[in-house]
Amino acid sequence: ILTGLLIIFLSNNSPGQTVWLDADTGNEMDDLYAIVRLVKEPGLKIAGISSAHFNNPDLLVFEKWNAYEAKGLNTVEESQRLNEQILKSLNKSDIPHPVGADRQIGRAWGGDDPRNSEAVEALIKTAKAMPEGEKLDIITIGAVTNLASAIIIDPDIIPLIRCFCLG
């Protein structure tokens, strides 16, 4: 599915296109490939790569999930650590990579209070700085909390962005 989303997105890109990737990199290894693929794509301007939390019920009931000890795992911190590590290995640490929200908006029974974070603030700022007539393409390949929070906090960014969400 992730490969399909990237193929659709990349086949419709234009030279100089500005992209923001929001990834729950600690959840599964496909996000690592997505980061490399986008960073290596000629002609794209990567405005940022933000970390996203991930929710997995296994974290609540098992001692381990994948390679992680479930107890005390902060999933957005793990995604952030991996984002920083891969950008460093690609010599691309200059790409902004702010940390995202640590958990979802609301609760199982409702709620729509945004989860503000460095990533949300950077998304808003980047969208508002887009040149006239251009849009920021935001690709979310994990929880959409950062994108949704940015829209809730500042709905004026809606006409300034295009969203590609893996669901």
N, C-alpha and C. Protein backbone atom coordinates (compact mmCIF):
# COMPACT_ATOMS: atom_id res chain seq x y z
N ILE A 1 0.83 -1.19 0.00
CA ILE A 1 0.00 0.00 0.00
C ILE A 1 0.87 1.25 0.00
N LEU A 2 1.90 1.27 0.86
CA LEU A 2 2.78 2.43 0.92
C LEU A 2 3.45 2.67 -0.42
N THR A 3 3.93 1.62 -1.04
CA THR A 3 4.57 1.76 -2.35
C THR A 3 3.59 2.34 -3.36
N GLY A 4 2.36 1.88 -3.33
CA GLY A 4 1.34 2.41 -4.24
C GLY A 4 1.09 3.89 -4.02
N LEU A 5 1.00 4.30 -2.75
CA LEU A 5 0.80 5.72 -2.44
C LEU A 5 1.96 6.55 -2.99
N LEU A 6 3.19 6.10 -2.79
CA LEU A 6 4.34 6.85 -3.28
C LEU A 6 4.39 6.88 -4.80
N ILE A 7 4.04 5.78 -5.45
CA ILE A 7 4.03 5.76 -6.92
C ILE A 7 3.01 6.76 -7.46
N ILE A 8 1.81 6.77 -6.88
CA ILE A 8 0.78 7.72 -7.31
C ILE A 8 1.27 9.15 -7.08
N PHE A 9 1.81 9.41 -5.91
CA PHE A 9 2.28 10.76 -5.61
C PHE A 9 3.42 11.17 -6.54
N LEU A 10 4.43 10.34 -6.67
CA LEU A 10 5.60 10.70 -7.46
C LEU A 10 5.29 10.81 -8.95
N SER A 11 4.32 10.05 -9.44
CA SER A 11 3.97 10.14 -10.86
C SER A 11 3.26 11.45 -11.18
N ASN A 12 2.74 12.12 -10.17
CA ASN A 12 2.03 13.38 -10.39
C ASN A 12 2.80 14.59 -9.89
N ASN A 13 4.09 14.42 -9.58
CA ASN A 13 4.82 15.56 -9.05
C ASN A 13 5.35 16.44 -10.17
N SER A 14 5.66 17.65 -9.79
CA SER A 14 6.22 18.59 -10.75
C SER A 14 7.56 19.08 -10.22
N PRO A 15 8.44 19.54 -11.10
CA PRO A 15 9.75 20.00 -10.65
C PRO A 15 9.62 21.09 -9.59
N GLY A 16 10.41 20.96 -8.55
CA GLY A 16 10.39 21.95 -7.47
C GLY A 16 9.26 21.78 -6.49
N GLN A 17 8.50 20.69 -6.61
CA GLN A 17 7.38 20.44 -5.72
C GLN A 17 7.87 20.38 -4.27
N THR A 18 7.11 20.98 -3.36
CA THR A 18 7.46 21.00 -1.95
C THR A 18 6.63 19.96 -1.20
N VAL A 19 7.34 19.09 -0.48
CA VAL A 19 6.72 17.94 0.17
C VAL A 19 7.07 17.91 1.65
N TRP A 20 6.10 17.50 2.45
CA TRP A 20 6.31 17.25 3.88
C TRP A 20 5.89 15.80 4.12
N LEU A 21 6.76 15.02 4.76
CA LEU A 21 6.45 13.62 5.09
C LEU A 21 6.25 13.50 6.59
N ASP A 22 5.14 12.91 6.99
CA ASP A 22 4.83 12.66 8.39
C ASP A 22 4.79 11.14 8.57
N ALA A 23 5.71 10.61 9.38
CA ALA A 23 5.89 9.16 9.42
C ALA A 23 5.96 8.61 10.83
N ASP A 24 5.28 7.52 11.05
CA ASP A 24 5.40 6.77 12.31
C ASP A 24 6.50 5.72 12.12
N THR A 25 7.69 6.20 11.94
CA THR A 25 8.83 5.39 11.51
C THR A 25 9.12 4.24 12.46
N GLY A 26 8.84 4.40 13.73
CA GLY A 26 9.11 3.34 14.69
C GLY A 26 8.13 2.18 14.62
N ASN A 27 7.04 2.34 13.91
CA ASN A 27 6.00 1.32 13.87
C ASN A 27 6.39 0.14 13.00
N GLU A 28 6.77 0.40 11.78
CA GLU A 28 7.15 -0.67 10.84
C GLU A 28 8.23 -0.13 9.92
N MET A 29 8.99 -1.01 9.32
CA MET A 29 10.16 -0.57 8.56
C MET A 29 9.84 0.07 7.21
N ASP A 30 8.61 0.00 6.73
CA ASP A 30 8.30 0.60 5.43
C ASP A 30 8.51 2.11 5.42
N ASP A 31 8.37 2.76 6.56
CA ASP A 31 8.56 4.20 6.62
C ASP A 31 10.02 4.58 6.34
N LEU A 32 10.93 3.75 6.74
CA LEU A 32 12.35 4.00 6.45
C LEU A 32 12.57 4.04 4.94
N TYR A 33 11.96 3.13 4.22
CA TYR A 33 12.08 3.10 2.77
C TYR A 33 11.43 4.35 2.15
N ALA A 34 10.30 4.76 2.71
CA ALA A 34 9.63 5.95 2.19
C ALA A 34 10.50 7.19 2.34
N ILE A 35 11.15 7.30 3.49
CA ILE A 35 12.03 8.45 3.71
C ILE A 35 13.16 8.46 2.69
N VAL A 36 13.82 7.32 2.52
CA VAL A 36 14.92 7.24 1.56
C VAL A 36 14.42 7.56 0.16
N ARG A 37 13.30 6.99 -0.22
CA ARG A 37 12.75 7.18 -1.57
C ARG A 37 12.46 8.65 -1.84
N LEU A 38 11.85 9.33 -0.90
CA LEU A 38 11.52 10.74 -1.11
C LEU A 38 12.76 11.62 -1.10
N VAL A 39 13.68 11.36 -0.17
CA VAL A 39 14.89 12.17 -0.08
C VAL A 39 15.72 12.03 -1.34
N LYS A 40 15.73 10.86 -1.94
CA LYS A 40 16.53 10.61 -3.14
C LYS A 40 15.83 11.03 -4.43
N GLU A 41 14.56 11.41 -4.38
CA GLU A 41 13.81 11.78 -5.58
C GLU A 41 14.30 13.13 -6.11
N PRO A 42 14.85 13.15 -7.33
CA PRO A 42 15.31 14.42 -7.87
C PRO A 42 14.16 15.39 -8.10
N GLY A 43 14.41 16.64 -7.84
CA GLY A 43 13.43 17.68 -8.13
C GLY A 43 12.44 17.96 -7.01
N LEU A 44 12.38 17.12 -6.00
CA LEU A 44 11.48 17.39 -4.88
C LEU A 44 12.19 18.25 -3.85
N LYS A 45 11.46 19.18 -3.29
CA LYS A 45 11.98 19.94 -2.16
C LYS A 45 11.32 19.36 -0.91
N ILE A 46 12.12 18.74 -0.05
CA ILE A 46 11.59 18.17 1.18
C ILE A 46 11.58 19.28 2.23
N ALA A 47 10.39 19.77 2.56
CA ALA A 47 10.25 20.86 3.53
C ALA A 47 10.41 20.36 4.95
N GLY A 48 10.10 19.08 5.19
CA GLY A 48 10.21 18.54 6.53
C GLY A 48 9.82 17.08 6.57
N ILE A 49 10.32 16.42 7.60
CA ILE A 49 9.95 15.04 7.90
C ILE A 49 9.65 15.01 9.39
N SER A 50 8.40 14.81 9.71
CA SER A 50 8.00 14.82 11.12
C SER A 50 7.73 13.41 11.62
N SER A 51 7.87 13.26 12.92
CA SER A 51 7.61 11.97 13.55
C SER A 51 6.16 11.90 14.00
N ALA A 52 5.60 10.72 13.88
CA ALA A 52 4.23 10.47 14.33
C ALA A 52 4.24 9.34 15.35
N HIS A 53 3.29 9.41 16.26
CA HIS A 53 3.12 8.32 17.22
C HIS A 53 2.48 7.14 16.51
N PHE A 54 2.49 5.99 17.15
CA PHE A 54 1.71 4.88 16.63
C PHE A 54 0.99 4.20 17.78
N ASN A 55 -0.20 3.75 17.46
CA ASN A 55 -1.04 3.07 18.45
C ASN A 55 -1.15 1.62 18.05
N ASN A 56 -0.83 0.76 18.96
CA ASN A 56 -0.93 -0.66 18.69
C ASN A 56 -1.40 -1.34 19.97
N PRO A 57 -2.52 -2.04 19.94
CA PRO A 57 -3.01 -2.69 21.15
C PRO A 57 -2.03 -3.67 21.76
N ASP A 58 -1.14 -4.23 20.93
CA ASP A 58 -0.15 -5.16 21.47
C ASP A 58 0.75 -4.50 22.50
N LEU A 59 0.95 -3.20 22.39
CA LEU A 59 1.78 -2.49 23.35
C LEU A 59 1.19 -2.53 24.76
N LEU A 60 -0.12 -2.74 24.84
CA LEU A 60 -0.79 -2.75 26.14
C LEU A 60 -0.84 -4.13 26.78
N VAL A 61 -0.75 -5.17 25.97
CA VAL A 61 -0.99 -6.51 26.52
C VAL A 61 0.20 -7.46 26.44
N PHE A 62 1.22 -7.10 25.69
CA PHE A 62 2.38 -7.97 25.58
C PHE A 62 3.62 -7.25 26.10
N GLU A 63 4.59 -8.04 26.55
CA GLU A 63 5.83 -7.44 27.06
C GLU A 63 6.67 -6.86 25.93
N LYS A 64 6.56 -7.44 24.74
CA LYS A 64 7.34 -6.95 23.60
C LYS A 64 6.42 -6.76 22.41
N TRP A 65 6.78 -5.80 21.61
CA TRP A 65 6.13 -5.61 20.31
C TRP A 65 7.25 -5.35 19.33
N ASN A 66 7.31 -6.15 18.25
CA ASN A 66 8.46 -6.12 17.35
C ASN A 66 9.73 -6.22 18.19
N ALA A 67 10.66 -5.31 18.03
CA ALA A 67 11.92 -5.37 18.78
C ALA A 67 11.86 -4.55 20.07
N TYR A 68 10.71 -3.98 20.39
CA TYR A 68 10.61 -3.05 21.50
C TYR A 68 10.07 -3.70 22.76
N GLU A 69 10.62 -3.26 23.89
CA GLU A 69 9.99 -3.54 25.17
C GLU A 69 8.76 -2.64 25.22
N ALA A 70 7.60 -3.21 25.45
CA ALA A 70 6.36 -2.43 25.41
C ALA A 70 6.24 -1.47 26.59
N LYS A 71 6.70 -1.88 27.74
CA LYS A 71 6.56 -1.06 28.94
C LYS A 71 7.37 0.23 28.80
N GLY A 72 6.68 1.36 28.93
CA GLY A 72 7.34 2.65 28.90
C GLY A 72 7.75 3.15 27.52
N LEU A 73 7.34 2.47 26.47
CA LEU A 73 7.71 2.89 25.12
C LEU A 73 6.97 4.17 24.74
N ASN A 74 7.71 5.19 24.37
CA ASN A 74 7.13 6.43 23.86
C ASN A 74 7.27 6.35 22.34
N THR A 75 6.17 6.09 21.66
CA THR A 75 6.25 5.75 20.24
C THR A 75 6.69 6.92 19.37
N VAL A 76 6.29 8.15 19.70
CA VAL A 76 6.74 9.28 18.88
C VAL A 76 8.24 9.50 19.07
N GLU A 77 8.75 9.27 20.26
CA GLU A 77 10.19 9.40 20.48
C GLU A 77 10.96 8.36 19.67
N GLU A 78 10.42 7.17 19.57
CA GLU A 78 11.08 6.13 18.77
C GLU A 78 11.07 6.50 17.29
N SER A 79 9.93 7.00 16.80
CA SER A 79 9.87 7.46 15.41
C SER A 79 10.86 8.60 15.18
N GLN A 80 10.93 9.53 16.12
CA GLN A 80 11.85 10.66 16.00
C GLN A 80 13.30 10.18 15.97
N ARG A 81 13.64 9.25 16.85
CA ARG A 81 15.01 8.72 16.89
C ARG A 81 15.40 8.12 15.55
N LEU A 82 14.50 7.34 14.97
CA LEU A 82 14.79 6.71 13.68
C LEU A 82 14.85 7.74 12.56
N ASN A 83 13.96 8.74 12.57
CA ASN A 83 14.02 9.80 11.56
C ASN A 83 15.38 10.49 11.60
N GLU A 84 15.82 10.84 12.79
CA GLU A 84 17.11 11.52 12.93
C GLU A 84 18.26 10.62 12.47
N GLN A 85 18.19 9.35 12.81
CA GLN A 85 19.25 8.41 12.44
C GLN A 85 19.33 8.25 10.91
N ILE A 86 18.19 8.09 10.25
CA ILE A 86 18.23 7.88 8.81
C ILE A 86 18.64 9.17 8.08
N LEU A 87 18.18 10.33 8.54
CA LEU A 87 18.60 11.58 7.91
C LEU A 87 20.10 11.80 8.09
N LYS A 88 20.62 11.45 9.24
CA LYS A 88 22.07 11.57 9.47
C LYS A 88 22.83 10.64 8.53
N SER A 89 22.35 9.40 8.37
CA SER A 89 23.05 8.45 7.50
C SER A 89 22.99 8.86 6.03
N LEU A 90 21.97 9.63 5.66
CA LEU A 90 21.84 10.11 4.28
C LEU A 90 22.50 11.49 4.09
N ASN A 91 23.17 11.98 5.14
CA ASN A 91 23.76 13.32 5.12
C ASN A 91 22.70 14.39 4.79
N LYS A 92 21.51 14.23 5.36
CA LYS A 92 20.40 15.15 5.12
C LYS A 92 19.82 15.69 6.42
N SER A 93 20.65 15.81 7.44
CA SER A 93 20.17 16.33 8.73
C SER A 93 19.70 17.77 8.64
N ASP A 94 20.02 18.44 7.52
CA ASP A 94 19.56 19.82 7.33
C ASP A 94 18.07 19.89 7.01
N ILE A 95 17.46 18.77 6.64
CA ILE A 95 16.01 18.75 6.42
C ILE A 95 15.35 18.87 7.79
N PRO A 96 14.45 19.86 7.97
CA PRO A 96 13.77 19.98 9.26
C PRO A 96 13.07 18.67 9.63
N HIS A 97 13.18 18.29 10.89
CA HIS A 97 12.57 17.03 11.33
C HIS A 97 12.04 17.16 12.77
N PRO A 98 10.98 17.97 12.90
CA PRO A 98 10.42 18.22 14.23
C PRO A 98 9.64 17.02 14.77
N VAL A 99 9.61 16.94 16.08
CA VAL A 99 8.89 15.85 16.75
C VAL A 99 7.39 16.16 16.74
N GLY A 100 6.60 15.12 16.53
CA GLY A 100 5.15 15.26 16.45
C GLY A 100 4.44 14.96 17.76
N ALA A 101 3.14 14.88 17.66
CA ALA A 101 2.28 14.61 18.82
C ALA A 101 2.57 13.23 19.40
N ASP A 102 2.42 13.13 20.70
CA ASP A 102 2.74 11.87 21.38
C ASP A 102 1.56 10.89 21.43
N ARG A 103 0.38 11.36 21.08
CA ARG A 103 -0.79 10.47 21.06
C ARG A 103 -1.89 11.10 20.21
N GLN A 104 -2.95 10.36 20.00
CA GLN A 104 -4.04 10.76 19.11
C GLN A 104 -4.87 11.89 19.69
N ILE A 105 -5.65 12.49 18.80
CA ILE A 105 -6.64 13.49 19.20
C ILE A 105 -7.81 12.75 19.85
N GLY A 106 -8.31 13.29 20.95
CA GLY A 106 -9.50 12.73 21.58
C GLY A 106 -9.27 11.39 22.24
N ARG A 107 -10.37 10.76 22.53
CA ARG A 107 -10.38 9.46 23.18
C ARG A 107 -11.30 8.54 22.40
N ALA A 108 -11.39 7.31 22.78
CA ALA A 108 -12.24 6.35 22.08
C ALA A 108 -13.70 6.81 22.06
N TRP A 109 -14.11 7.57 23.05
CA TRP A 109 -15.49 8.03 23.14
C TRP A 109 -15.69 9.43 22.56
N GLY A 110 -14.65 10.01 21.97
CA GLY A 110 -14.82 11.29 21.30
C GLY A 110 -13.78 12.32 21.72
N GLY A 111 -13.97 13.51 21.21
CA GLY A 111 -13.06 14.61 21.51
C GLY A 111 -12.34 15.08 20.27
N ASP A 112 -12.11 16.38 20.19
CA ASP A 112 -11.43 16.91 19.01
C ASP A 112 -10.43 18.00 19.38
N ASP A 113 -9.90 17.96 20.58
CA ASP A 113 -8.87 18.91 20.96
C ASP A 113 -7.58 18.52 20.26
N PRO A 114 -6.94 19.50 19.59
CA PRO A 114 -5.72 19.19 18.86
C PRO A 114 -4.57 18.83 19.80
N ARG A 115 -3.59 18.13 19.26
CA ARG A 115 -2.38 17.75 20.00
C ARG A 115 -1.24 18.58 19.42
N ASN A 116 -1.02 19.75 19.97
CA ASN A 116 0.00 20.62 19.43
C ASN A 116 1.39 20.04 19.68
N SER A 117 2.33 20.34 18.78
CA SER A 117 3.69 19.83 18.88
C SER A 117 4.59 20.68 17.99
N GLU A 118 5.88 20.43 18.06
CA GLU A 118 6.82 21.11 17.17
C GLU A 118 6.44 20.85 15.71
N ALA A 119 6.05 19.62 15.40
CA ALA A 119 5.70 19.27 14.01
C ALA A 119 4.47 20.04 13.55
N VAL A 120 3.47 20.15 14.39
CA VAL A 120 2.25 20.87 14.03
C VAL A 120 2.56 22.34 13.74
N GLU A 121 3.34 22.96 14.62
CA GLU A 121 3.71 24.36 14.42
C GLU A 121 4.51 24.54 13.13
N ALA A 122 5.43 23.60 12.85
CA ALA A 122 6.25 23.68 11.64
C ALA A 122 5.41 23.46 10.38
N LEU A 123 4.45 22.56 10.44
CA LEU A 123 3.54 22.35 9.30
C LEU A 123 2.77 23.63 8.98
N ILE A 124 2.22 24.26 10.00
CA ILE A 124 1.46 25.49 9.80
C ILE A 124 2.35 26.57 9.21
N LYS A 125 3.51 26.76 9.80
CA LYS A 125 4.45 27.79 9.33
C LYS A 125 4.87 27.54 7.88
N THR A 126 5.17 26.28 7.55
CA THR A 126 5.60 25.94 6.20
C THR A 126 4.48 26.16 5.19
N ALA A 127 3.27 25.74 5.53
CA ALA A 127 2.13 25.93 4.62
C ALA A 127 1.91 27.41 4.36
N LYS A 128 1.99 28.23 5.39
CA LYS A 128 1.74 29.66 5.23
C LYS A 128 2.86 30.36 4.47
N ALA A 129 4.03 29.74 4.39
CA ALA A 129 5.16 30.34 3.68
C ALA A 129 5.23 29.92 2.21
N MET A 130 4.28 29.10 1.77
CA MET A 130 4.30 28.66 0.38
C MET A 130 4.09 29.84 -0.56
N PRO A 131 4.81 29.86 -1.69
CA PRO A 131 4.62 30.94 -2.67
C PRO A 131 3.19 30.94 -3.20
N GLU A 132 2.75 32.09 -3.60
CA GLU A 132 1.41 32.26 -4.18
C GLU A 132 1.18 31.23 -5.28
N GLY A 133 0.05 30.55 -5.22
CA GLY A 133 -0.32 29.58 -6.24
C GLY A 133 0.27 28.20 -6.06
N GLU A 134 1.14 28.01 -5.07
CA GLU A 134 1.72 26.69 -4.81
C GLU A 134 1.13 26.12 -3.52
N LYS A 135 1.15 24.79 -3.45
CA LYS A 135 0.63 24.12 -2.26
C LYS A 135 1.71 23.22 -1.67
N LEU A 136 1.63 23.05 -0.37
CA LEU A 136 2.49 22.11 0.33
C LEU A 136 1.83 20.74 0.25
N ASP A 137 2.55 19.78 -0.31
CA ASP A 137 2.05 18.40 -0.37
C ASP A 137 2.47 17.68 0.91
N ILE A 138 1.48 17.24 1.67
CA ILE A 138 1.73 16.55 2.93
C ILE A 138 1.38 15.08 2.74
N ILE A 139 2.36 14.22 2.98
CA ILE A 139 2.16 12.78 2.91
C ILE A 139 2.21 12.23 4.33
N THR A 140 1.12 11.63 4.77
CA THR A 140 1.11 10.99 6.08
C THR A 140 1.07 9.48 5.88
N ILE A 141 2.01 8.80 6.51
CA ILE A 141 2.06 7.35 6.36
C ILE A 141 1.93 6.66 7.72
N GLY A 142 1.33 7.35 8.64
CA GLY A 142 1.03 6.82 9.97
C GLY A 142 -0.23 7.52 10.46
N ALA A 143 -0.29 7.71 11.76
CA ALA A 143 -1.41 8.45 12.33
C ALA A 143 -1.44 9.86 11.73
N VAL A 144 -2.61 10.37 11.48
CA VAL A 144 -2.73 11.71 10.87
C VAL A 144 -2.88 12.80 11.93
N THR A 145 -2.49 12.52 13.14
CA THR A 145 -2.66 13.45 14.25
C THR A 145 -2.00 14.80 14.00
N ASN A 146 -0.78 14.80 13.47
CA ASN A 146 -0.08 16.08 13.25
C ASN A 146 -0.81 16.92 12.21
N LEU A 147 -1.21 16.32 11.12
CA LEU A 147 -1.95 17.02 10.08
C LEU A 147 -3.30 17.51 10.60
N ALA A 148 -4.05 16.64 11.24
CA ALA A 148 -5.37 17.02 11.76
C ALA A 148 -5.24 18.14 12.79
N SER A 149 -4.26 18.06 13.65
CA SER A 149 -4.06 19.10 14.66
C SER A 149 -3.73 20.43 14.01
N ALA A 150 -2.89 20.41 12.97
CA ALA A 150 -2.54 21.65 12.26
C ALA A 150 -3.80 22.29 11.66
N ILE A 151 -4.66 21.48 11.09
CA ILE A 151 -5.89 22.00 10.48
C ILE A 151 -6.85 22.52 11.55
N ILE A 152 -6.96 21.84 12.67
CA ILE A 152 -7.84 22.31 13.75
C ILE A 152 -7.32 23.63 14.32
N ILE A 153 -6.01 23.72 14.54
CA ILE A 153 -5.42 24.93 15.12
C ILE A 153 -5.50 26.11 14.16
N ASP A 154 -5.25 25.85 12.87
CA ASP A 154 -5.24 26.94 11.89
C ASP A 154 -5.90 26.49 10.59
N PRO A 155 -7.24 26.52 10.53
CA PRO A 155 -7.94 26.07 9.32
C PRO A 155 -7.62 26.89 8.07
N ASP A 156 -6.99 28.05 8.25
CA ASP A 156 -6.61 28.87 7.08
C ASP A 156 -5.58 28.17 6.20
N ILE A 157 -4.94 27.11 6.69
CA ILE A 157 -3.95 26.40 5.87
C ILE A 157 -4.61 25.46 4.85
N ILE A 158 -5.88 25.19 5.00
CA ILE A 158 -6.55 24.20 4.13
C ILE A 158 -6.33 24.49 2.64
N PRO A 159 -6.52 25.71 2.17
CA PRO A 159 -6.31 25.94 0.73
C PRO A 159 -4.83 25.94 0.33
N LEU A 160 -3.94 25.85 1.30
CA LEU A 160 -2.50 25.91 1.02
C LEU A 160 -1.85 24.53 0.98
N ILE A 161 -2.64 23.48 1.21
CA ILE A 161 -2.06 22.13 1.32
C ILE A 161 -2.83 21.13 0.45
N ARG A 162 -2.13 20.08 0.06
CA ARG A 162 -2.74 18.89 -0.53
C ARG A 162 -2.28 17.73 0.33
N CYS A 163 -3.19 16.84 0.64
CA CYS A 163 -2.88 15.74 1.57
C CYS A 163 -2.96 14.40 0.86
N PHE A 164 -1.98 13.57 1.13
CA PHE A 164 -1.93 12.20 0.64
C PHE A 164 -1.77 11.34 1.89
N CYS A 165 -2.84 10.65 2.27
CA CYS A 165 -2.85 9.93 3.54
C CYS A 165 -2.98 8.42 3.30
N LEU A 166 -2.07 7.69 3.90
CA LEU A 166 -2.15 6.24 3.87
C LEU A 166 -3.12 5.83 4.97
N GLY A 167 -4.15 5.10 4.60
CA GLY A 167 -5.14 4.74 5.62
C GLY A 167 -5.41 3.27 5.63
